[in-house]
Amino acid sequence: MPMAARAAQFAPFSALTGHDEAIAETARLTTEKIELTPEEQDRISRRLTYAIEHHLQVSITYFCPDIAKSGGSYTTVTGHIKKVDESTSTLVLDNNQLIPVDTIGVVGYIM
């Protein structure tokens, strides 16, 4: 028997193809979106309006839904708000990143 064929018989057996990926996906954690009260939503709206009027750099934390499982994660970005697209209810930052307004959880000013 050739040496290569002999070595092949001792190669690892992977009967459960994709099993490691499935375990990693199950272990990946997501969080649920926090529902804001009307008062919190109003506060965020006022902070965004102030930032736009005064051309302030902002730090925005918003919820990104997970495409593979329920829940998602919160992401924080910084920049200047270029415009508010009222037809799609999104903010457009100076780097052209779109943020859906209904996903915003926290708005802070960067001085």
N, C-alpha and C. Protein backbone atom coordinates (compact mmCIF):
# COMPACT_ATOMS: atom_id res chain seq x y z
N MET A 1 0.86 -1.17 0.00
CA MET A 1 0.00 0.00 0.00
C MET A 1 0.91 1.24 0.00
N PRO A 2 0.63 2.20 -0.88
CA PRO A 2 1.46 3.42 -0.92
C PRO A 2 1.34 4.20 0.39
N MET A 3 2.37 4.95 0.69
CA MET A 3 2.43 5.72 1.95
C MET A 3 1.26 6.71 2.06
N ALA A 4 0.87 7.37 0.98
CA ALA A 4 -0.22 8.35 1.01
C ALA A 4 -1.54 7.67 1.35
N ALA A 5 -1.78 6.50 0.79
CA ALA A 5 -3.02 5.77 1.07
C ALA A 5 -3.04 5.28 2.51
N ARG A 6 -1.89 4.89 3.00
CA ARG A 6 -1.79 4.42 4.37
C ARG A 6 -2.09 5.57 5.35
N ALA A 7 -1.58 6.77 5.05
CA ALA A 7 -1.82 7.94 5.92
C ALA A 7 -3.28 8.36 5.88
N ALA A 8 -3.94 8.18 4.75
CA ALA A 8 -5.34 8.61 4.61
C ALA A 8 -6.26 7.84 5.55
N GLN A 9 -5.94 6.61 5.86
CA GLN A 9 -6.82 5.84 6.73
C GLN A 9 -6.82 6.35 8.16
N PHE A 10 -5.82 7.16 8.51
CA PHE A 10 -5.76 7.74 9.85
C PHE A 10 -6.23 9.20 9.89
N ALA A 11 -6.74 9.70 8.77
CA ALA A 11 -7.22 11.09 8.71
C ALA A 11 -8.43 11.24 9.64
N PRO A 12 -8.64 12.43 10.20
CA PRO A 12 -9.77 12.62 11.10
C PRO A 12 -11.10 12.37 10.39
N PHE A 13 -11.99 11.72 11.09
CA PHE A 13 -13.30 11.41 10.55
C PHE A 13 -14.27 12.50 11.00
N SER A 14 -14.93 13.13 10.03
CA SER A 14 -15.85 14.22 10.34
C SER A 14 -17.25 13.83 9.92
N ALA A 15 -17.89 12.98 10.70
CA ALA A 15 -19.24 12.52 10.38
C ALA A 15 -20.26 13.63 10.56
N LEU A 16 -19.98 14.56 11.45
CA LEU A 16 -20.94 15.62 11.73
C LEU A 16 -20.50 16.93 11.08
N THR A 17 -20.50 16.94 9.75
CA THR A 17 -20.10 18.13 9.02
C THR A 17 -21.03 19.28 9.37
N GLY A 18 -20.44 20.42 9.71
CA GLY A 18 -21.23 21.59 10.07
C GLY A 18 -21.60 21.65 11.54
N HIS A 19 -21.26 20.61 12.29
CA HIS A 19 -21.64 20.56 13.71
C HIS A 19 -20.95 21.67 14.51
N ASP A 20 -19.68 21.91 14.24
CA ASP A 20 -18.95 22.97 14.95
C ASP A 20 -19.57 24.34 14.68
N GLU A 21 -19.96 24.58 13.43
CA GLU A 21 -20.59 25.86 13.08
C GLU A 21 -21.94 26.01 13.78
N ALA A 22 -22.70 24.94 13.86
CA ALA A 22 -24.01 24.99 14.53
C ALA A 22 -23.84 25.28 16.02
N ILE A 23 -22.85 24.70 16.64
CA ILE A 23 -22.60 24.95 18.06
C ILE A 23 -22.18 26.40 18.27
N ALA A 24 -21.31 26.91 17.38
CA ALA A 24 -20.86 28.31 17.50
C ALA A 24 -22.04 29.26 17.34
N GLU A 25 -22.95 28.97 16.41
CA GLU A 25 -24.12 29.83 16.20
C GLU A 25 -25.05 29.81 17.40
N THR A 26 -25.24 28.64 17.99
CA THR A 26 -26.09 28.52 19.17
C THR A 26 -25.48 29.26 20.36
N ALA A 27 -24.18 29.24 20.46
CA ALA A 27 -23.49 29.88 21.58
C ALA A 27 -23.43 31.40 21.44
N ARG A 28 -23.61 31.91 20.21
CA ARG A 28 -23.54 33.36 19.98
C ARG A 28 -24.70 34.05 20.68
N LEU A 29 -24.39 35.03 21.49
CA LEU A 29 -25.41 35.69 22.28
C LEU A 29 -26.01 36.88 21.56
N THR A 30 -27.30 37.08 21.77
CA THR A 30 -27.99 38.27 21.28
C THR A 30 -28.73 38.88 22.46
N THR A 31 -29.12 40.13 22.30
CA THR A 31 -29.92 40.80 23.32
C THR A 31 -31.24 41.23 22.71
N GLU A 32 -32.20 41.45 23.56
CA GLU A 32 -33.50 41.91 23.10
C GLU A 32 -33.50 43.44 23.01
N LYS A 33 -34.29 43.97 22.11
CA LYS A 33 -34.41 45.42 21.96
C LYS A 33 -35.18 45.97 23.15
N ILE A 34 -34.67 47.06 23.71
CA ILE A 34 -35.32 47.72 24.84
C ILE A 34 -36.38 48.66 24.28
N GLU A 35 -37.61 48.49 24.75
CA GLU A 35 -38.68 49.37 24.31
C GLU A 35 -38.66 50.65 25.14
N LEU A 36 -38.61 51.77 24.46
CA LEU A 36 -38.54 53.06 25.15
C LEU A 36 -39.93 53.59 25.47
N THR A 37 -40.02 54.31 26.57
CA THR A 37 -41.27 54.97 26.94
C THR A 37 -41.45 56.19 26.04
N PRO A 38 -42.66 56.71 25.94
CA PRO A 38 -42.87 57.93 25.15
C PRO A 38 -42.00 59.09 25.62
N GLU A 39 -41.75 59.18 26.92
CA GLU A 39 -40.90 60.24 27.45
C GLU A 39 -39.46 60.08 26.97
N GLU A 40 -38.96 58.85 26.95
CA GLU A 40 -37.61 58.59 26.47
C GLU A 40 -37.49 58.87 24.97
N GLN A 41 -38.52 58.50 24.22
CA GLN A 41 -38.53 58.78 22.78
C GLN A 41 -38.53 60.29 22.52
N ASP A 42 -39.29 61.03 23.32
CA ASP A 42 -39.34 62.48 23.18
C ASP A 42 -37.98 63.10 23.51
N ARG A 43 -37.34 62.60 24.53
CA ARG A 43 -36.01 63.10 24.93
C ARG A 43 -35.00 62.88 23.80
N ILE A 44 -35.02 61.71 23.19
CA ILE A 44 -34.12 61.42 22.07
C ILE A 44 -34.41 62.35 20.90
N SER A 45 -35.68 62.56 20.61
CA SER A 45 -36.07 63.45 19.53
C SER A 45 -35.55 64.87 19.76
N ARG A 46 -35.68 65.35 21.01
CA ARG A 46 -35.20 66.70 21.33
C ARG A 46 -33.68 66.78 21.21
N ARG A 47 -32.98 65.75 21.65
CA ARG A 47 -31.52 65.75 21.56
C ARG A 47 -31.06 65.73 20.11
N LEU A 48 -31.74 64.96 19.26
CA LEU A 48 -31.39 64.92 17.84
C LEU A 48 -31.65 66.28 17.17
N THR A 49 -32.78 66.89 17.50
CA THR A 49 -33.11 68.20 16.94
C THR A 49 -32.06 69.23 17.33
N TYR A 50 -31.66 69.22 18.60
CA TYR A 50 -30.64 70.15 19.10
C TYR A 50 -29.31 69.92 18.38
N ALA A 51 -28.94 68.67 18.19
CA ALA A 51 -27.68 68.35 17.52
C ALA A 51 -27.68 68.81 16.08
N ILE A 52 -28.82 68.66 15.41
CA ILE A 52 -28.93 69.10 14.02
C ILE A 52 -28.85 70.62 13.94
N GLU A 53 -29.60 71.31 14.81
CA GLU A 53 -29.63 72.78 14.79
C GLU A 53 -28.27 73.38 15.09
N HIS A 54 -27.48 72.74 15.95
CA HIS A 54 -26.19 73.30 16.37
C HIS A 54 -24.99 72.60 15.72
N HIS A 55 -25.25 71.72 14.75
CA HIS A 55 -24.21 71.01 14.01
C HIS A 55 -23.21 70.33 14.94
N LEU A 56 -23.74 69.62 15.94
CA LEU A 56 -22.90 68.93 16.92
C LEU A 56 -22.57 67.53 16.44
N GLN A 57 -21.40 67.07 16.84
CA GLN A 57 -21.05 65.67 16.62
C GLN A 57 -21.77 64.86 17.70
N VAL A 58 -22.36 63.74 17.30
CA VAL A 58 -23.15 62.93 18.22
C VAL A 58 -22.60 61.51 18.31
N SER A 59 -22.93 60.87 19.40
CA SER A 59 -22.69 59.46 19.60
C SER A 59 -24.08 58.82 19.71
N ILE A 60 -24.38 57.92 18.79
CA ILE A 60 -25.71 57.31 18.74
C ILE A 60 -25.58 55.81 18.96
N THR A 61 -26.32 55.31 19.93
CA THR A 61 -26.39 53.87 20.18
C THR A 61 -27.74 53.39 19.66
N TYR A 62 -27.70 52.40 18.77
CA TYR A 62 -28.94 51.91 18.17
C TYR A 62 -28.92 50.38 18.09
N PHE A 63 -30.11 49.81 17.93
CA PHE A 63 -30.29 48.36 17.92
C PHE A 63 -30.19 47.83 16.50
N CYS A 64 -29.37 46.80 16.33
CA CYS A 64 -29.22 46.12 15.04
C CYS A 64 -29.80 44.72 15.17
N PRO A 65 -30.93 44.44 14.52
CA PRO A 65 -31.50 43.10 14.63
C PRO A 65 -30.58 42.05 14.00
N ASP A 66 -30.57 40.86 14.59
CA ASP A 66 -29.77 39.75 14.09
C ASP A 66 -30.56 39.07 12.97
N ILE A 67 -29.90 38.77 11.87
CA ILE A 67 -30.61 38.15 10.74
C ILE A 67 -30.80 36.65 10.92
N ALA A 68 -30.02 36.03 11.81
CA ALA A 68 -30.06 34.58 11.94
C ALA A 68 -30.91 34.09 13.12
N LYS A 69 -31.11 34.93 14.13
CA LYS A 69 -31.86 34.48 15.30
C LYS A 69 -32.56 35.66 15.93
N SER A 70 -33.42 35.42 16.89
CA SER A 70 -34.16 36.51 17.52
C SER A 70 -33.22 37.37 18.35
N GLY A 71 -33.58 38.64 18.45
CA GLY A 71 -32.75 39.59 19.19
C GLY A 71 -31.78 40.29 18.27
N GLY A 72 -30.70 40.77 18.82
CA GLY A 72 -29.70 41.49 18.05
C GLY A 72 -28.65 42.04 18.98
N SER A 73 -28.09 43.17 18.59
CA SER A 73 -27.06 43.80 19.42
C SER A 73 -27.15 45.31 19.27
N TYR A 74 -26.60 46.01 20.24
CA TYR A 74 -26.54 47.46 20.20
C TYR A 74 -25.18 47.89 19.66
N THR A 75 -25.20 48.87 18.77
CA THR A 75 -24.00 49.40 18.15
C THR A 75 -23.95 50.90 18.39
N THR A 76 -22.75 51.43 18.62
CA THR A 76 -22.58 52.87 18.83
C THR A 76 -21.74 53.43 17.70
N VAL A 77 -22.22 54.52 17.11
CA VAL A 77 -21.49 55.21 16.04
C VAL A 77 -21.38 56.69 16.41
N THR A 78 -20.40 57.34 15.85
CA THR A 78 -20.25 58.78 16.06
C THR A 78 -20.18 59.48 14.71
N GLY A 79 -20.62 60.72 14.71
CA GLY A 79 -20.56 61.52 13.49
C GLY A 79 -21.50 62.70 13.59
N HIS A 80 -21.60 63.42 12.48
CA HIS A 80 -22.53 64.54 12.39
C HIS A 80 -23.75 64.07 11.60
N ILE A 81 -24.90 64.54 12.00
CA ILE A 81 -26.13 64.19 11.29
C ILE A 81 -26.21 65.07 10.04
N LYS A 82 -26.20 64.43 8.88
CA LYS A 82 -26.27 65.17 7.62
C LYS A 82 -27.71 65.57 7.32
N LYS A 83 -28.63 64.63 7.51
CA LYS A 83 -30.05 64.94 7.28
C LYS A 83 -30.92 63.87 7.92
N VAL A 84 -32.20 64.20 8.01
CA VAL A 84 -33.21 63.25 8.47
C VAL A 84 -34.11 62.96 7.28
N ASP A 85 -34.18 61.71 6.90
CA ASP A 85 -35.05 61.30 5.79
C ASP A 85 -36.40 60.90 6.38
N GLU A 86 -37.34 61.81 6.30
CA GLU A 86 -38.64 61.57 6.94
C GLU A 86 -39.46 60.52 6.20
N SER A 87 -39.21 60.32 4.91
CA SER A 87 -39.97 59.31 4.16
C SER A 87 -39.63 57.89 4.63
N THR A 88 -38.38 57.68 5.07
CA THR A 88 -37.98 56.35 5.54
C THR A 88 -37.72 56.33 7.03
N SER A 89 -37.88 57.46 7.71
CA SER A 89 -37.62 57.59 9.15
C SER A 89 -36.21 57.14 9.51
N THR A 90 -35.24 57.66 8.77
CA THR A 90 -33.85 57.33 9.04
C THR A 90 -33.01 58.60 9.16
N LEU A 91 -31.93 58.48 9.94
CA LEU A 91 -30.93 59.53 10.02
C LEU A 91 -29.83 59.18 9.02
N VAL A 92 -29.29 60.20 8.39
CA VAL A 92 -28.15 60.00 7.50
C VAL A 92 -26.98 60.75 8.14
N LEU A 93 -25.92 60.01 8.47
CA LEU A 93 -24.74 60.63 9.06
C LEU A 93 -23.82 61.13 7.96
N ASP A 94 -22.80 61.89 8.36
CA ASP A 94 -21.87 62.47 7.40
C ASP A 94 -21.07 61.43 6.62
N ASN A 95 -21.00 60.21 7.12
CA ASN A 95 -20.32 59.12 6.39
C ASN A 95 -21.32 58.29 5.57
N ASN A 96 -22.55 58.83 5.40
CA ASN A 96 -23.65 58.21 4.65
C ASN A 96 -24.21 56.96 5.30
N GLN A 97 -23.92 56.74 6.56
CA GLN A 97 -24.50 55.61 7.29
C GLN A 97 -25.96 55.95 7.61
N LEU A 98 -26.84 54.98 7.41
CA LEU A 98 -28.27 55.16 7.69
C LEU A 98 -28.60 54.50 9.02
N ILE A 99 -29.36 55.22 9.85
CA ILE A 99 -29.79 54.69 11.13
C ILE A 99 -31.29 54.85 11.24
N PRO A 100 -32.05 53.76 11.32
CA PRO A 100 -33.49 53.89 11.51
C PRO A 100 -33.78 54.57 12.85
N VAL A 101 -34.63 55.59 12.83
CA VAL A 101 -34.90 56.38 14.02
C VAL A 101 -35.51 55.53 15.13
N ASP A 102 -36.36 54.57 14.77
CA ASP A 102 -37.03 53.76 15.80
C ASP A 102 -36.11 52.75 16.48
N THR A 103 -34.85 52.65 16.04
CA THR A 103 -33.90 51.74 16.68
C THR A 103 -32.96 52.46 17.65
N ILE A 104 -33.02 53.79 17.69
CA ILE A 104 -32.10 54.57 18.51
C ILE A 104 -32.47 54.43 19.98
N GLY A 105 -31.45 54.16 20.80
CA GLY A 105 -31.66 54.01 22.23
C GLY A 105 -31.02 55.12 23.05
N VAL A 106 -29.89 55.66 22.58
CA VAL A 106 -29.17 56.68 23.32
C VAL A 106 -28.54 57.66 22.32
N VAL A 107 -28.63 58.94 22.66
CA VAL A 107 -27.96 59.99 21.87
C VAL A 107 -27.14 60.83 22.83
N GLY A 108 -25.87 60.99 22.53
CA GLY A 108 -24.99 61.82 23.32
C GLY A 108 -24.26 62.80 22.45
N TYR A 109 -23.86 63.91 23.01
CA TYR A 109 -23.09 64.93 22.28
C TYR A 109 -21.62 64.71 22.54
N ILE A 110 -20.80 64.94 21.53
CA ILE A 110 -19.35 64.85 21.68
C ILE A 110 -18.80 66.26 21.57
N MET A 111 -18.13 66.69 22.61
CA MET A 111 -17.60 68.05 22.64
C MET A 111 -16.14 68.05 22.28
